[in-house]
Amino acid sequence: MTRRGGPVLVIAIVIAAVCIGAGMLKLFLSGVGGTAAAGDEREALRVLDSIATLEKLWRDGDADGNGVADWWTTDWSGFHRALTKNGKPAQMMNGAIASADAAPLPPGPRVAALLPPSPHAGYWFRAMAVEKGYAFVAYPAEPGKGGKRVFLTREDGKLWAHEGGEPPGAWPAEGEEAMRAAGWTLTRP
């Protein structure tokens, strides 16, 4: 019996395996299809996008047991640390993500102990004060290194982005045209 291809086929398979492995390693290290900063930004957007679901669960389930269908608006980590009607922490959010709160509430009668602060995927998160509804911001812990943009969301579910690393102190503008005029880009309507 003779072998077809012999050493040439083996070499081709080894080269293909090495190329595939190198490509997969590059994807893993670069945040799946881009730079590490782009991967961090995608993760920050994914996490910020999940707030709409958490707020709906909080409001519809009256998680704090106050008898009012309200939002959690006080801090980011409250979705993990706020005490529910049974007196236990809500733990609606993963602790590693909740620990990325840049301005957590101190422990008290409504909130459990602080988590060790640590950015999540290179981003800090915090609640923003708004007149009605809720607002949250995600911004790079080290601007330019782990992310290049700041992201905002409100109860309408729209995600806004702005170049730079400094988060705004308040919601930048009311209405889509005013947001665009202030330099914000709608990343998801």
N, C-alpha and C. Protein backbone atom coordinates (compact mmCIF):
# COMPACT_ATOMS: atom_id res chain seq x y z
N MET A 1 0.83 -1.17 0.00
CA MET A 1 0.00 0.00 0.00
C MET A 1 0.88 1.25 0.00
N THR A 2 0.51 2.23 -0.80
CA THR A 2 1.27 3.49 -0.84
C THR A 2 0.45 4.59 -0.19
N ARG A 3 1.16 5.54 0.40
CA ARG A 3 0.49 6.68 1.03
C ARG A 3 0.44 7.83 0.04
N ARG A 4 -0.68 8.48 -0.01
CA ARG A 4 -0.82 9.63 -0.89
C ARG A 4 -0.59 10.90 -0.09
N GLY A 5 0.29 11.72 -0.54
CA GLY A 5 0.55 12.99 0.13
C GLY A 5 1.69 12.90 1.11
N GLY A 6 1.77 11.86 1.88
CA GLY A 6 2.83 11.61 2.85
C GLY A 6 3.24 12.84 3.63
N PRO A 7 4.52 13.17 3.64
CA PRO A 7 5.04 14.27 4.45
C PRO A 7 4.48 15.64 4.05
N VAL A 8 4.16 15.84 2.82
CA VAL A 8 3.62 17.14 2.37
C VAL A 8 2.28 17.39 3.04
N LEU A 9 1.43 16.38 3.11
CA LEU A 9 0.13 16.51 3.75
C LEU A 9 0.30 16.79 5.24
N VAL A 10 1.21 16.12 5.90
CA VAL A 10 1.45 16.33 7.32
C VAL A 10 1.93 17.77 7.57
N ILE A 11 2.84 18.24 6.75
CA ILE A 11 3.34 19.61 6.90
C ILE A 11 2.22 20.61 6.68
N ALA A 12 1.37 20.40 5.69
CA ALA A 12 0.24 21.30 5.42
C ALA A 12 -0.73 21.33 6.60
N ILE A 13 -0.98 20.18 7.20
CA ILE A 13 -1.88 20.11 8.36
C ILE A 13 -1.28 20.84 9.55
N VAL A 14 0.02 20.66 9.79
CA VAL A 14 0.69 21.34 10.90
C VAL A 14 0.66 22.85 10.70
N ILE A 15 0.95 23.32 9.48
CA ILE A 15 0.93 24.75 9.19
C ILE A 15 -0.48 25.31 9.39
N ALA A 16 -1.49 24.60 8.91
CA ALA A 16 -2.88 25.04 9.08
C ALA A 16 -3.24 25.12 10.56
N ALA A 17 -2.84 24.12 11.34
CA ALA A 17 -3.14 24.11 12.78
C ALA A 17 -2.47 25.29 13.49
N VAL A 18 -1.22 25.57 13.14
CA VAL A 18 -0.50 26.69 13.75
C VAL A 18 -1.17 28.01 13.38
N CYS A 19 -1.57 28.17 12.13
CA CYS A 19 -2.24 29.41 11.69
C CYS A 19 -3.58 29.59 12.40
N ILE A 20 -4.34 28.52 12.50
CA ILE A 20 -5.63 28.59 13.19
C ILE A 20 -5.41 28.93 14.66
N GLY A 21 -4.44 28.28 15.29
CA GLY A 21 -4.14 28.56 16.70
C GLY A 21 -3.70 30.00 16.91
N ALA A 22 -2.85 30.51 16.03
CA ALA A 22 -2.40 31.89 16.13
C ALA A 22 -3.56 32.86 15.94
N GLY A 23 -4.44 32.56 15.00
CA GLY A 23 -5.61 33.41 14.77
C GLY A 23 -6.54 33.43 15.97
N MET A 24 -6.76 32.26 16.57
CA MET A 24 -7.63 32.19 17.75
C MET A 24 -6.99 32.93 18.92
N LEU A 25 -5.69 32.80 19.09
CA LEU A 25 -5.01 33.51 20.17
C LEU A 25 -5.12 35.02 19.96
N LYS A 26 -4.96 35.47 18.72
CA LYS A 26 -5.08 36.89 18.43
C LYS A 26 -6.49 37.39 18.75
N LEU A 27 -7.52 36.61 18.37
CA LEU A 27 -8.89 37.00 18.69
C LEU A 27 -9.11 37.07 20.19
N PHE A 28 -8.60 36.09 20.92
CA PHE A 28 -8.76 36.06 22.37
C PHE A 28 -8.07 37.26 23.01
N LEU A 29 -6.85 37.55 22.62
CA LEU A 29 -6.10 38.64 23.23
C LEU A 29 -6.60 40.01 22.81
N SER A 30 -7.24 40.11 21.67
CA SER A 30 -7.66 41.43 21.18
C SER A 30 -9.12 41.73 21.43
N GLY A 31 -9.78 40.93 22.26
CA GLY A 31 -11.18 41.24 22.55
C GLY A 31 -12.10 40.81 21.44
N VAL A 32 -11.83 39.72 20.79
CA VAL A 32 -12.63 39.13 19.73
C VAL A 32 -12.82 40.09 18.57
N GLY A 33 -11.83 40.16 17.74
CA GLY A 33 -11.99 40.87 16.48
C GLY A 33 -11.54 42.31 16.49
N GLY A 34 -10.80 42.78 17.46
CA GLY A 34 -10.34 44.16 17.45
C GLY A 34 -9.25 44.34 18.47
N THR A 35 -9.05 45.56 18.88
CA THR A 35 -8.04 45.83 19.89
C THR A 35 -8.57 45.44 21.26
N ALA A 36 -7.67 45.40 22.24
CA ALA A 36 -8.09 45.12 23.61
C ALA A 36 -9.06 46.20 24.08
N ALA A 37 -8.80 47.45 23.70
CA ALA A 37 -9.69 48.55 24.08
C ALA A 37 -11.08 48.34 23.50
N ALA A 38 -11.16 47.88 22.26
CA ALA A 38 -12.46 47.63 21.63
C ALA A 38 -13.20 46.51 22.37
N GLY A 39 -12.47 45.50 22.81
CA GLY A 39 -13.08 44.41 23.58
C GLY A 39 -13.62 44.92 24.91
N ASP A 40 -12.85 45.81 25.57
CA ASP A 40 -13.31 46.40 26.83
C ASP A 40 -14.56 47.24 26.59
N GLU A 41 -14.58 47.99 25.51
CA GLU A 41 -15.74 48.83 25.20
C GLU A 41 -16.98 47.97 24.94
N ARG A 42 -16.80 46.88 24.19
CA ARG A 42 -17.94 45.98 23.94
C ARG A 42 -18.49 45.41 25.24
N GLU A 43 -17.59 45.03 26.15
CA GLU A 43 -18.03 44.49 27.44
C GLU A 43 -18.74 45.56 28.26
N ALA A 44 -18.20 46.78 28.27
CA ALA A 44 -18.85 47.88 29.00
C ALA A 44 -20.25 48.14 28.45
N LEU A 45 -20.39 48.13 27.13
CA LEU A 45 -21.71 48.31 26.52
C LEU A 45 -22.66 47.17 26.88
N ARG A 46 -22.15 45.94 26.86
CA ARG A 46 -22.99 44.78 27.20
C ARG A 46 -23.50 44.89 28.63
N VAL A 47 -22.59 45.24 29.55
CA VAL A 47 -22.97 45.36 30.95
C VAL A 47 -23.94 46.52 31.15
N LEU A 48 -23.66 47.66 30.54
CA LEU A 48 -24.54 48.82 30.67
C LEU A 48 -25.91 48.52 30.08
N ASP A 49 -25.94 47.77 29.01
CA ASP A 49 -27.20 47.38 28.38
C ASP A 49 -28.04 46.50 29.30
N SER A 50 -27.40 45.73 30.17
CA SER A 50 -28.14 44.83 31.07
C SER A 50 -28.90 45.59 32.15
N ILE A 51 -28.57 46.86 32.35
CA ILE A 51 -29.23 47.65 33.38
C ILE A 51 -30.74 47.75 33.13
N ALA A 52 -31.14 47.85 31.88
CA ALA A 52 -32.58 47.95 31.57
C ALA A 52 -33.33 46.74 32.14
N THR A 53 -32.75 45.56 31.99
CA THR A 53 -33.39 44.35 32.51
C THR A 53 -33.40 44.36 34.03
N LEU A 54 -32.27 44.73 34.63
CA LEU A 54 -32.22 44.77 36.10
C LEU A 54 -33.21 45.78 36.66
N GLU A 55 -33.31 46.94 36.03
CA GLU A 55 -34.26 47.95 36.51
C GLU A 55 -35.70 47.47 36.38
N LYS A 56 -36.00 46.78 35.29
CA LYS A 56 -37.36 46.25 35.11
C LYS A 56 -37.67 45.23 36.20
N LEU A 57 -36.74 44.33 36.48
CA LEU A 57 -36.93 43.34 37.54
C LEU A 57 -37.07 44.02 38.90
N TRP A 58 -36.25 45.04 39.14
CA TRP A 58 -36.31 45.77 40.40
C TRP A 58 -37.67 46.42 40.59
N ARG A 59 -38.09 47.12 39.55
CA ARG A 59 -39.34 47.89 39.62
C ARG A 59 -40.57 46.97 39.69
N ASP A 60 -40.64 46.02 38.77
CA ASP A 60 -41.82 45.16 38.71
C ASP A 60 -41.91 44.21 39.90
N GLY A 61 -40.76 43.83 40.47
CA GLY A 61 -40.77 42.91 41.60
C GLY A 61 -40.72 43.61 42.95
N ASP A 62 -40.70 44.95 42.96
CA ASP A 62 -40.58 45.72 44.19
C ASP A 62 -39.50 45.11 45.08
N ALA A 63 -38.30 45.01 44.52
CA ALA A 63 -37.20 44.33 45.19
C ALA A 63 -36.90 44.88 46.58
N ASP A 64 -37.05 46.19 46.77
CA ASP A 64 -36.75 46.76 48.08
C ASP A 64 -37.92 46.70 49.05
N GLY A 65 -39.07 46.23 48.57
CA GLY A 65 -40.23 46.04 49.43
C GLY A 65 -40.83 47.32 49.98
N ASN A 66 -40.66 48.43 49.28
CA ASN A 66 -41.20 49.70 49.78
C ASN A 66 -42.63 49.94 49.30
N GLY A 67 -43.20 49.00 48.55
CA GLY A 67 -44.58 49.14 48.08
C GLY A 67 -44.75 50.10 46.92
N VAL A 68 -43.64 50.57 46.34
CA VAL A 68 -43.68 51.51 45.23
C VAL A 68 -42.94 50.90 44.04
N ALA A 69 -43.54 51.00 42.86
CA ALA A 69 -42.88 50.51 41.64
C ALA A 69 -41.87 51.57 41.20
N ASP A 70 -40.68 51.55 41.81
CA ASP A 70 -39.66 52.55 41.52
C ASP A 70 -38.39 51.88 41.02
N TRP A 71 -37.47 52.72 40.52
CA TRP A 71 -36.19 52.24 40.01
C TRP A 71 -35.15 52.29 41.13
N TRP A 72 -34.07 51.53 40.96
CA TRP A 72 -32.90 51.72 41.82
C TRP A 72 -32.05 52.77 41.13
N THR A 73 -31.84 53.90 41.78
CA THR A 73 -31.14 55.01 41.14
C THR A 73 -29.95 55.53 41.94
N THR A 74 -29.69 54.95 43.08
CA THR A 74 -28.74 55.52 44.01
C THR A 74 -27.28 55.23 43.69
N ASP A 75 -26.97 53.99 43.32
CA ASP A 75 -25.60 53.65 42.96
C ASP A 75 -25.61 52.43 42.05
N TRP A 76 -24.45 52.07 41.51
CA TRP A 76 -24.31 50.94 40.60
C TRP A 76 -24.36 49.62 41.36
N SER A 77 -23.64 49.54 42.47
CA SER A 77 -23.50 48.28 43.18
C SER A 77 -24.76 47.86 43.93
N GLY A 78 -25.75 48.73 44.02
CA GLY A 78 -26.99 48.40 44.72
C GLY A 78 -27.70 47.18 44.16
N PHE A 79 -27.51 46.90 42.89
CA PHE A 79 -28.14 45.71 42.31
C PHE A 79 -27.56 44.43 42.92
N HIS A 80 -26.46 44.57 43.60
CA HIS A 80 -25.86 43.45 44.31
C HIS A 80 -25.99 43.62 45.83
N ARG A 81 -25.81 44.87 46.32
CA ARG A 81 -25.70 45.13 47.75
C ARG A 81 -26.98 45.60 48.43
N ALA A 82 -27.93 46.18 47.69
CA ALA A 82 -29.14 46.72 48.32
C ALA A 82 -29.91 45.59 49.00
N LEU A 83 -30.43 45.92 50.17
CA LEU A 83 -31.18 44.91 50.93
C LEU A 83 -32.61 44.82 50.40
N THR A 84 -33.06 43.61 50.17
CA THR A 84 -34.39 43.37 49.63
C THR A 84 -35.41 43.27 50.77
N LYS A 85 -36.64 42.99 50.43
CA LYS A 85 -37.70 42.93 51.44
C LYS A 85 -37.42 41.89 52.52
N ASN A 86 -36.65 40.84 52.19
CA ASN A 86 -36.34 39.83 53.21
C ASN A 86 -35.08 40.17 54.00
N GLY A 87 -34.50 41.36 53.76
CA GLY A 87 -33.34 41.81 54.51
C GLY A 87 -32.00 41.30 54.01
N LYS A 88 -32.01 40.56 52.91
CA LYS A 88 -30.77 40.03 52.35
C LYS A 88 -30.37 40.84 51.12
N PRO A 89 -29.06 40.86 50.80
CA PRO A 89 -28.63 41.59 49.60
C PRO A 89 -29.29 41.05 48.33
N ALA A 90 -29.60 41.97 47.43
CA ALA A 90 -30.32 41.61 46.20
C ALA A 90 -29.56 40.62 45.34
N GLN A 91 -28.27 40.82 45.18
CA GLN A 91 -27.41 39.97 44.35
C GLN A 91 -28.00 39.71 42.97
N MET A 92 -28.60 40.74 42.39
CA MET A 92 -29.14 40.66 41.03
C MET A 92 -28.03 40.82 40.00
N MET A 93 -26.89 41.36 40.44
CA MET A 93 -25.75 41.61 39.57
C MET A 93 -24.56 40.84 40.14
N ASN A 94 -23.73 40.33 39.27
CA ASN A 94 -22.52 39.64 39.67
C ASN A 94 -21.66 40.57 40.54
N GLY A 95 -21.08 40.02 41.59
CA GLY A 95 -20.26 40.83 42.50
C GLY A 95 -19.06 41.48 41.84
N ALA A 96 -18.45 40.80 40.87
CA ALA A 96 -17.29 41.37 40.18
C ALA A 96 -17.70 42.60 39.37
N ILE A 97 -18.88 42.58 38.80
CA ILE A 97 -19.38 43.73 38.04
C ILE A 97 -19.83 44.83 39.00
N ALA A 98 -20.48 44.45 40.09
CA ALA A 98 -20.94 45.42 41.08
C ALA A 98 -19.77 46.14 41.73
N SER A 99 -18.62 45.49 41.87
CA SER A 99 -17.46 46.11 42.51
C SER A 99 -16.84 47.20 41.64
N ALA A 100 -17.29 47.35 40.41
CA ALA A 100 -16.80 48.40 39.52
C ALA A 100 -17.54 49.72 39.73
N ASP A 101 -18.25 49.85 40.85
CA ASP A 101 -18.97 51.08 41.18
C ASP A 101 -17.98 52.15 41.60
N ALA A 102 -17.93 53.25 40.86
CA ALA A 102 -17.01 54.34 41.16
C ALA A 102 -17.48 55.21 42.32
N ALA A 103 -18.76 55.10 42.68
CA ALA A 103 -19.31 55.93 43.76
C ALA A 103 -20.35 55.13 44.55
N PRO A 104 -19.92 54.06 45.23
CA PRO A 104 -20.90 53.23 45.95
C PRO A 104 -21.42 53.92 47.20
N LEU A 105 -22.65 53.58 47.55
CA LEU A 105 -23.22 54.06 48.81
C LEU A 105 -22.48 53.41 49.97
N PRO A 106 -22.33 54.12 51.07
CA PRO A 106 -21.74 53.47 52.24
C PRO A 106 -22.73 52.45 52.81
N PRO A 107 -22.25 51.46 53.55
CA PRO A 107 -23.16 50.50 54.16
C PRO A 107 -24.13 51.22 55.09
N GLY A 108 -25.31 50.69 55.18
CA GLY A 108 -26.32 51.32 56.04
C GLY A 108 -27.55 50.44 56.15
N PRO A 109 -28.66 51.02 56.58
CA PRO A 109 -29.88 50.22 56.79
C PRO A 109 -30.48 49.65 55.50
N ARG A 110 -30.14 50.25 54.35
CA ARG A 110 -30.69 49.77 53.07
C ARG A 110 -29.66 49.06 52.21
N VAL A 111 -28.37 49.13 52.60
CA VAL A 111 -27.31 48.62 51.74
C VAL A 111 -26.29 47.83 52.56
N ALA A 112 -25.89 46.66 52.05
CA ALA A 112 -24.92 45.80 52.71
C ALA A 112 -23.51 46.37 52.58
N ALA A 113 -22.54 45.65 53.12
CA ALA A 113 -21.14 46.07 53.14
C ALA A 113 -20.60 46.38 51.74
N LEU A 114 -19.60 47.27 51.71
CA LEU A 114 -18.95 47.62 50.46
C LEU A 114 -18.19 46.44 49.87
N LEU A 115 -18.08 46.42 48.56
CA LEU A 115 -17.27 45.43 47.86
C LEU A 115 -15.90 46.05 47.60
N PRO A 116 -14.85 45.24 47.50
CA PRO A 116 -13.55 45.82 47.16
C PRO A 116 -13.62 46.45 45.76
N PRO A 117 -13.29 47.74 45.64
CA PRO A 117 -13.44 48.41 44.35
C PRO A 117 -12.45 47.88 43.30
N SER A 118 -12.98 47.62 42.12
CA SER A 118 -12.16 47.12 41.02
C SER A 118 -12.89 47.36 39.71
N PRO A 119 -12.23 47.98 38.71
CA PRO A 119 -12.91 48.18 37.42
C PRO A 119 -13.26 46.84 36.78
N HIS A 120 -14.30 46.83 35.99
CA HIS A 120 -14.70 45.64 35.23
C HIS A 120 -14.33 45.85 33.77
N ALA A 121 -13.51 44.99 33.22
CA ALA A 121 -13.07 45.09 31.83
C ALA A 121 -12.53 46.49 31.52
N GLY A 122 -11.82 47.06 32.48
CA GLY A 122 -11.20 48.36 32.27
C GLY A 122 -12.14 49.54 32.41
N TYR A 123 -13.35 49.32 32.96
CA TYR A 123 -14.35 50.39 33.08
C TYR A 123 -14.88 50.51 34.49
N TRP A 124 -15.12 51.76 34.89
CA TRP A 124 -15.87 52.08 36.10
C TRP A 124 -17.30 52.39 35.70
N PHE A 125 -18.24 52.16 36.60
CA PHE A 125 -19.65 52.44 36.38
C PHE A 125 -20.16 53.24 37.57
N ARG A 126 -21.17 54.07 37.32
CA ARG A 126 -21.82 54.77 38.43
C ARG A 126 -23.19 55.27 38.00
N ALA A 127 -24.02 55.50 39.01
CA ALA A 127 -25.34 56.07 38.77
C ALA A 127 -25.18 57.57 38.53
N MET A 128 -26.10 58.12 37.76
CA MET A 128 -26.13 59.57 37.52
C MET A 128 -27.48 60.09 38.01
N ALA A 129 -27.49 61.22 38.67
CA ALA A 129 -28.74 61.81 39.13
C ALA A 129 -29.49 62.41 37.95
N VAL A 130 -30.74 62.04 37.82
CA VAL A 130 -31.63 62.63 36.81
C VAL A 130 -32.98 62.90 37.48
N GLU A 131 -33.75 63.81 36.90
CA GLU A 131 -35.03 64.17 37.51
C GLU A 131 -36.03 63.02 37.53
N LYS A 132 -36.13 62.32 36.42
CA LYS A 132 -37.08 61.20 36.32
C LYS A 132 -36.33 59.99 35.77
N GLY A 133 -36.76 58.81 36.16
CA GLY A 133 -36.15 57.60 35.64
C GLY A 133 -34.80 57.31 36.28
N TYR A 134 -33.90 56.78 35.47
CA TYR A 134 -32.55 56.46 35.96
C TYR A 134 -31.55 56.74 34.86
N ALA A 135 -30.30 56.83 35.24
CA ALA A 135 -29.21 57.02 34.29
C ALA A 135 -27.94 56.41 34.88
N PHE A 136 -27.15 55.77 34.02
CA PHE A 136 -25.88 55.18 34.43
C PHE A 136 -24.82 55.51 33.39
N VAL A 137 -23.58 55.60 33.86
CA VAL A 137 -22.45 55.91 33.00
C VAL A 137 -21.36 54.85 33.19
N ALA A 138 -20.67 54.54 32.11
CA ALA A 138 -19.50 53.66 32.14
C ALA A 138 -18.36 54.46 31.53
N TYR A 139 -17.20 54.47 32.20
CA TYR A 139 -16.07 55.23 31.67
C TYR A 139 -14.77 54.48 31.96
N PRO A 140 -13.76 54.67 31.09
CA PRO A 140 -12.51 53.93 31.23
C PRO A 140 -11.76 54.23 32.52
N ALA A 141 -11.25 53.18 33.14
CA ALA A 141 -10.43 53.36 34.34
C ALA A 141 -9.10 54.01 33.96
N GLU A 142 -8.57 53.64 32.80
CA GLU A 142 -7.35 54.24 32.27
C GLU A 142 -7.64 54.66 30.83
N PRO A 143 -8.15 55.87 30.64
CA PRO A 143 -8.54 56.30 29.29
C PRO A 143 -7.46 56.05 28.24
N GLY A 144 -7.87 55.48 27.14
CA GLY A 144 -6.97 55.18 26.04
C GLY A 144 -6.33 53.81 26.13
N LYS A 145 -6.16 53.30 27.33
CA LYS A 145 -5.54 51.98 27.49
C LYS A 145 -6.59 50.87 27.44
N GLY A 146 -7.64 50.99 28.25
CA GLY A 146 -8.67 49.96 28.29
C GLY A 146 -9.94 50.34 27.58
N GLY A 147 -10.06 51.53 27.14
CA GLY A 147 -11.25 52.01 26.45
C GLY A 147 -11.05 53.47 26.11
N LYS A 148 -11.69 53.91 25.05
CA LYS A 148 -11.50 55.28 24.59
C LYS A 148 -12.77 56.12 24.67
N ARG A 149 -13.88 55.44 25.03
CA ARG A 149 -15.15 56.16 25.03
C ARG A 149 -15.88 56.02 26.36
N VAL A 150 -16.72 57.00 26.63
CA VAL A 150 -17.63 57.01 27.78
C VAL A 150 -19.00 56.62 27.24
N PHE A 151 -19.75 55.83 28.02
CA PHE A 151 -21.07 55.38 27.59
C PHE A 151 -22.12 55.77 28.62
N LEU A 152 -23.31 56.13 28.13
CA LEU A 152 -24.44 56.50 28.99
C LEU A 152 -25.68 55.72 28.58
N THR A 153 -26.57 55.50 29.54
CA THR A 153 -27.88 54.95 29.23
C THR A 153 -28.90 55.48 30.23
N ARG A 154 -30.15 55.50 29.79
CA ARG A 154 -31.28 55.90 30.63
C ARG A 154 -32.38 54.88 30.49
N GLU A 155 -33.52 55.19 31.09
CA GLU A 155 -34.64 54.25 31.08
C GLU A 155 -35.22 54.01 29.68
N ASP A 156 -34.90 54.85 28.70
CA ASP A 156 -35.37 54.60 27.34
C ASP A 156 -34.57 53.51 26.64
N GLY A 157 -33.47 53.05 27.28
CA GLY A 157 -32.66 51.96 26.75
C GLY A 157 -31.65 52.38 25.69
N LYS A 158 -31.61 53.65 25.34
CA LYS A 158 -30.65 54.11 24.34
C LYS A 158 -29.26 54.16 24.96
N LEU A 159 -28.27 53.76 24.17
CA LEU A 159 -26.89 53.80 24.61
C LEU A 159 -26.14 54.87 23.83
N TRP A 160 -25.51 55.79 24.55
CA TRP A 160 -24.79 56.91 23.95
C TRP A 160 -23.31 56.76 24.21
N ALA A 161 -22.48 57.22 23.26
CA ALA A 161 -21.03 57.15 23.40
C ALA A 161 -20.42 58.51 23.11
N HIS A 162 -19.29 58.79 23.77
CA HIS A 162 -18.54 60.03 23.58
C HIS A 162 -17.07 59.70 23.71
N GLU A 163 -16.27 60.23 22.79
CA GLU A 163 -14.82 60.04 22.87
C GLU A 163 -14.28 60.72 24.13
N GLY A 164 -13.31 60.09 24.76
CA GLY A 164 -12.69 60.65 25.95
C GLY A 164 -12.93 59.78 27.16
N GLY A 165 -12.26 60.08 28.24
CA GLY A 165 -12.34 59.23 29.41
C GLY A 165 -13.05 59.82 30.60
N GLU A 166 -13.39 61.10 30.55
CA GLU A 166 -14.03 61.74 31.70
C GLU A 166 -15.55 61.64 31.61
N PRO A 167 -16.19 61.10 32.65
CA PRO A 167 -17.65 61.03 32.63
C PRO A 167 -18.26 62.39 32.93
N PRO A 168 -19.42 62.67 32.37
CA PRO A 168 -20.08 63.94 32.69
C PRO A 168 -20.62 63.90 34.12
N GLY A 169 -20.72 65.05 34.74
CA GLY A 169 -21.27 65.13 36.10
C GLY A 169 -22.77 64.96 36.13
N ALA A 170 -23.43 65.28 35.02
CA ALA A 170 -24.88 65.17 34.91
C ALA A 170 -25.21 64.74 33.48
N TRP A 171 -26.46 64.36 33.27
CA TRP A 171 -26.87 63.98 31.92
C TRP A 171 -26.62 65.18 31.01
N PRO A 172 -25.90 64.97 29.89
CA PRO A 172 -25.41 66.09 29.07
C PRO A 172 -26.48 66.97 28.43
N ALA A 173 -27.58 66.39 27.95
CA ALA A 173 -28.57 67.20 27.23
C ALA A 173 -29.87 66.42 27.13
N GLU A 174 -30.96 67.11 26.95
CA GLU A 174 -32.26 66.46 26.78
C GLU A 174 -32.61 66.40 25.30
N GLY A 175 -32.98 65.22 24.82
CA GLY A 175 -33.36 65.03 23.43
C GLY A 175 -32.18 64.61 22.56
N GLU A 176 -32.50 63.83 21.53
CA GLU A 176 -31.47 63.28 20.66
C GLU A 176 -30.66 64.35 19.94
N GLU A 177 -31.31 65.37 19.43
CA GLU A 177 -30.58 66.43 18.71
C GLU A 177 -29.61 67.15 19.63
N ALA A 178 -30.04 67.43 20.85
CA ALA A 178 -29.17 68.11 21.80
C ALA A 178 -28.00 67.21 22.21
N MET A 179 -28.24 65.91 22.33
CA MET A 179 -27.15 64.97 22.66
C MET A 179 -26.12 64.96 21.53
N ARG A 180 -26.60 64.89 20.29
CA ARG A 180 -25.67 64.90 19.15
C ARG A 180 -24.89 66.22 19.09
N ALA A 181 -25.58 67.31 19.36
CA ALA A 181 -24.91 68.62 19.34
C ALA A 181 -23.85 68.71 20.44
N ALA A 182 -24.03 67.96 21.53
CA ALA A 182 -23.06 67.95 22.62
C ALA A 182 -21.93 66.96 22.37
N GLY A 183 -21.93 66.31 21.18
CA GLY A 183 -20.85 65.41 20.81
C GLY A 183 -21.07 63.95 21.12
N TRP A 184 -22.28 63.56 21.48
CA TRP A 184 -22.60 62.17 21.79
C TRP A 184 -23.13 61.46 20.57
N THR A 185 -22.77 60.19 20.42
CA THR A 185 -23.21 59.36 19.30
C THR A 185 -24.12 58.27 19.84
N LEU A 186 -25.25 58.08 19.18
CA LEU A 186 -26.18 57.03 19.57
C LEU A 186 -25.63 55.70 19.07
N THR A 187 -25.23 54.82 19.99
CA THR A 187 -24.67 53.53 19.59
C THR A 187 -25.74 52.47 19.44
N ARG A 188 -26.83 52.64 20.15
CA ARG A 188 -27.97 51.76 19.98
C ARG A 188 -29.25 52.51 20.28
N PRO A 189 -30.09 52.62 19.25
CA PRO A 189 -31.35 53.37 19.46
C PRO A 189 -32.30 52.65 20.38
